[in-house]
Amino acid sequence: MNQTYTIKFIHRINEDGSIDSICRDCFVTIATGRSRLELAPQEQQHTCEPMTIQRYEGYKKLAVR
């Protein structure tokens, strides 16, 4: 059985040791916590806002020109 996994969130470690969870689709920091386990509930509940995605797509088009 082939399974494909995608990494939806990037984790950034801050100077104070806290961890930010950043969505790879809309680039919004959705949570900050002390451990990756602490971030999991917010990551599971996250839904990208369509307006944020549209805004990002518009920026990408401008950058290509």
N, C-alpha and C. Protein backbone atom coordinates (compact mmCIF):
# COMPACT_ATOMS: atom_id res chain seq x y z
N MET A 1 0.85 -1.18 0.00
CA MET A 1 0.00 0.00 0.00
C MET A 1 0.90 1.24 0.00
N ASN A 2 0.69 2.10 -0.97
CA ASN A 2 1.45 3.34 -1.04
C ASN A 2 0.69 4.45 -0.33
N GLN A 3 1.38 5.16 0.54
CA GLN A 3 0.78 6.29 1.22
C GLN A 3 1.63 7.52 0.94
N THR A 4 0.95 8.63 0.74
CA THR A 4 1.64 9.88 0.50
C THR A 4 1.33 10.82 1.64
N TYR A 5 2.36 11.41 2.20
CA TYR A 5 2.19 12.38 3.28
C TYR A 5 2.69 13.73 2.81
N THR A 6 1.97 14.75 3.15
CA THR A 6 2.44 16.10 2.86
C THR A 6 2.61 16.84 4.17
N ILE A 7 3.58 17.71 4.19
CA ILE A 7 3.81 18.52 5.38
C ILE A 7 3.05 19.81 5.18
N LYS A 8 2.00 19.99 5.95
CA LYS A 8 1.12 21.16 5.81
C LYS A 8 1.65 22.36 6.59
N PHE A 9 2.39 22.10 7.67
CA PHE A 9 2.84 23.19 8.53
C PHE A 9 4.36 23.17 8.69
N ILE A 10 4.93 24.34 8.71
CA ILE A 10 6.35 24.51 8.98
C ILE A 10 6.46 24.97 10.43
N HIS A 11 7.43 24.45 11.14
CA HIS A 11 7.64 24.85 12.52
C HIS A 11 8.92 25.68 12.62
N ARG A 12 8.77 26.86 13.19
CA ARG A 12 9.91 27.78 13.37
C ARG A 12 10.17 27.89 14.87
N ILE A 13 11.41 27.69 15.26
CA ILE A 13 11.77 27.81 16.67
C ILE A 13 12.26 29.23 16.92
N ASN A 14 11.64 29.88 17.88
CA ASN A 14 11.95 31.26 18.22
C ASN A 14 13.09 31.32 19.24
N GLU A 15 13.66 32.51 19.42
CA GLU A 15 14.78 32.70 20.36
C GLU A 15 14.42 32.28 21.78
N ASP A 16 13.17 32.46 22.18
CA ASP A 16 12.76 32.11 23.55
C ASP A 16 12.42 30.63 23.70
N GLY A 17 12.59 29.84 22.63
CA GLY A 17 12.31 28.41 22.69
C GLY A 17 10.91 28.04 22.28
N SER A 18 10.03 29.02 22.10
CA SER A 18 8.68 28.72 21.65
C SER A 18 8.71 28.32 20.17
N ILE A 19 7.65 27.66 19.73
CA ILE A 19 7.58 27.16 18.36
C ILE A 19 6.37 27.75 17.68
N ASP A 20 6.57 28.32 16.49
CA ASP A 20 5.48 28.83 15.67
C ASP A 20 5.09 27.76 14.65
N SER A 21 3.81 27.61 14.41
CA SER A 21 3.31 26.72 13.37
C SER A 21 2.78 27.59 12.23
N ILE A 22 3.36 27.42 11.05
CA ILE A 22 3.03 28.26 9.91
C ILE A 22 2.45 27.38 8.80
N CYS A 23 1.29 27.77 8.30
CA CYS A 23 0.64 27.02 7.23
C CYS A 23 1.40 27.24 5.93
N ARG A 24 1.71 26.16 5.21
CA ARG A 24 2.45 26.26 3.96
C ARG A 24 1.58 26.73 2.80
N ASP A 25 0.27 26.71 2.97
CA ASP A 25 -0.63 27.13 1.90
C ASP A 25 -0.95 28.62 1.97
N CYS A 26 -1.27 29.12 3.17
CA CYS A 26 -1.67 30.53 3.29
C CYS A 26 -0.63 31.39 4.02
N PHE A 27 0.43 30.75 4.54
CA PHE A 27 1.54 31.42 5.20
C PHE A 27 1.16 32.19 6.46
N VAL A 28 0.07 31.79 7.08
CA VAL A 28 -0.36 32.40 8.33
C VAL A 28 0.24 31.62 9.49
N THR A 29 0.76 32.34 10.50
CA THR A 29 1.19 31.69 11.73
C THR A 29 -0.07 31.38 12.52
N ILE A 30 -0.37 30.09 12.64
CA ILE A 30 -1.66 29.73 13.23
C ILE A 30 -1.58 29.45 14.72
N ALA A 31 -0.38 29.20 15.23
CA ALA A 31 -0.26 28.92 16.66
C ALA A 31 1.19 29.07 17.09
N THR A 32 1.36 29.37 18.37
CA THR A 32 2.66 29.40 19.01
C THR A 32 2.54 28.60 20.29
N GLY A 33 3.51 27.73 20.52
CA GLY A 33 3.45 26.91 21.71
C GLY A 33 4.83 26.53 22.19
N ARG A 34 4.88 25.76 23.26
CA ARG A 34 6.13 25.31 23.86
C ARG A 34 6.59 23.96 23.32
N SER A 35 5.68 23.23 22.66
CA SER A 35 6.04 21.93 22.08
C SER A 35 5.21 21.69 20.84
N ARG A 36 5.67 20.75 20.01
CA ARG A 36 4.92 20.42 18.81
C ARG A 36 3.58 19.78 19.16
N LEU A 37 3.54 19.04 20.25
CA LEU A 37 2.27 18.44 20.69
C LEU A 37 1.24 19.51 21.04
N GLU A 38 1.70 20.61 21.58
CA GLU A 38 0.81 21.72 21.94
C GLU A 38 0.21 22.38 20.70
N LEU A 39 0.92 22.30 19.57
CA LEU A 39 0.45 22.93 18.33
C LEU A 39 -0.58 22.08 17.58
N ALA A 40 -0.57 20.78 17.84
CA ALA A 40 -1.39 19.84 17.07
C ALA A 40 -2.88 20.19 17.02
N PRO A 41 -3.53 20.55 18.13
CA PRO A 41 -4.97 20.86 18.03
C PRO A 41 -5.28 22.03 17.08
N GLN A 42 -4.46 23.09 17.14
CA GLN A 42 -4.68 24.23 16.25
C GLN A 42 -4.41 23.86 14.80
N GLU A 43 -3.40 23.02 14.57
CA GLU A 43 -3.10 22.59 13.21
C GLU A 43 -4.25 21.75 12.64
N GLN A 44 -4.84 20.90 13.45
CA GLN A 44 -5.94 20.07 12.99
C GLN A 44 -7.18 20.90 12.68
N GLN A 45 -7.37 22.00 13.39
CA GLN A 45 -8.56 22.82 13.20
C GLN A 45 -8.38 23.91 12.13
N HIS A 46 -7.16 24.14 11.69
CA HIS A 46 -6.89 25.25 10.77
C HIS A 46 -7.54 25.03 9.40
N THR A 47 -8.17 26.08 8.93
CA THR A 47 -8.70 26.15 7.57
C THR A 47 -8.24 27.47 6.98
N CYS A 48 -7.61 27.40 5.83
CA CYS A 48 -7.14 28.63 5.18
C CYS A 48 -8.32 29.50 4.79
N GLU A 49 -8.15 30.80 4.97
CA GLU A 49 -9.15 31.76 4.54
C GLU A 49 -9.00 31.96 3.03
N PRO A 50 -10.07 31.83 2.27
CA PRO A 50 -9.96 31.99 0.81
C PRO A 50 -9.37 33.34 0.39
N MET A 51 -9.69 34.40 1.10
CA MET A 51 -9.16 35.72 0.75
C MET A 51 -7.65 35.77 0.92
N THR A 52 -7.13 35.09 1.93
CA THR A 52 -5.69 35.05 2.14
C THR A 52 -5.00 34.33 1.00
N ILE A 53 -5.58 33.21 0.55
CA ILE A 53 -5.02 32.45 -0.56
C ILE A 53 -5.07 33.30 -1.84
N GLN A 54 -6.18 33.98 -2.07
CA GLN A 54 -6.30 34.83 -3.27
C GLN A 54 -5.27 35.95 -3.26
N ARG A 55 -5.06 36.55 -2.10
CA ARG A 55 -4.09 37.63 -1.98
C ARG A 55 -2.69 37.10 -2.30
N TYR A 56 -2.35 35.94 -1.75
CA TYR A 56 -1.05 35.35 -2.02
C TYR A 56 -0.88 35.04 -3.50
N GLU A 57 -1.90 34.47 -4.12
CA GLU A 57 -1.84 34.16 -5.56
C GLU A 57 -1.60 35.43 -6.37
N GLY A 58 -2.23 36.54 -5.98
CA GLY A 58 -2.02 37.82 -6.65
C GLY A 58 -0.58 38.29 -6.53
N TYR A 59 0.02 38.12 -5.34
CA TYR A 59 1.42 38.50 -5.15
C TYR A 59 2.34 37.65 -6.01
N LYS A 60 2.04 36.36 -6.12
CA LYS A 60 2.85 35.48 -6.94
C LYS A 60 2.84 35.93 -8.39
N LYS A 61 1.68 36.33 -8.90
CA LYS A 61 1.57 36.78 -10.28
C LYS A 61 2.38 38.04 -10.51
N LEU A 62 2.37 38.97 -9.55
CA LEU A 62 3.15 40.20 -9.68
C LEU A 62 4.65 39.90 -9.66
N ALA A 63 5.07 38.93 -8.87
CA ALA A 63 6.49 38.61 -8.74
C ALA A 63 7.05 37.96 -10.01
N VAL A 64 6.20 37.28 -10.76
CA VAL A 64 6.65 36.58 -11.96
C VAL A 64 6.93 37.57 -13.09
N ARG A 65 6.28 38.68 -13.09
CA ARG A 65 6.44 39.66 -14.18
C ARG A 65 7.83 40.18 -14.28
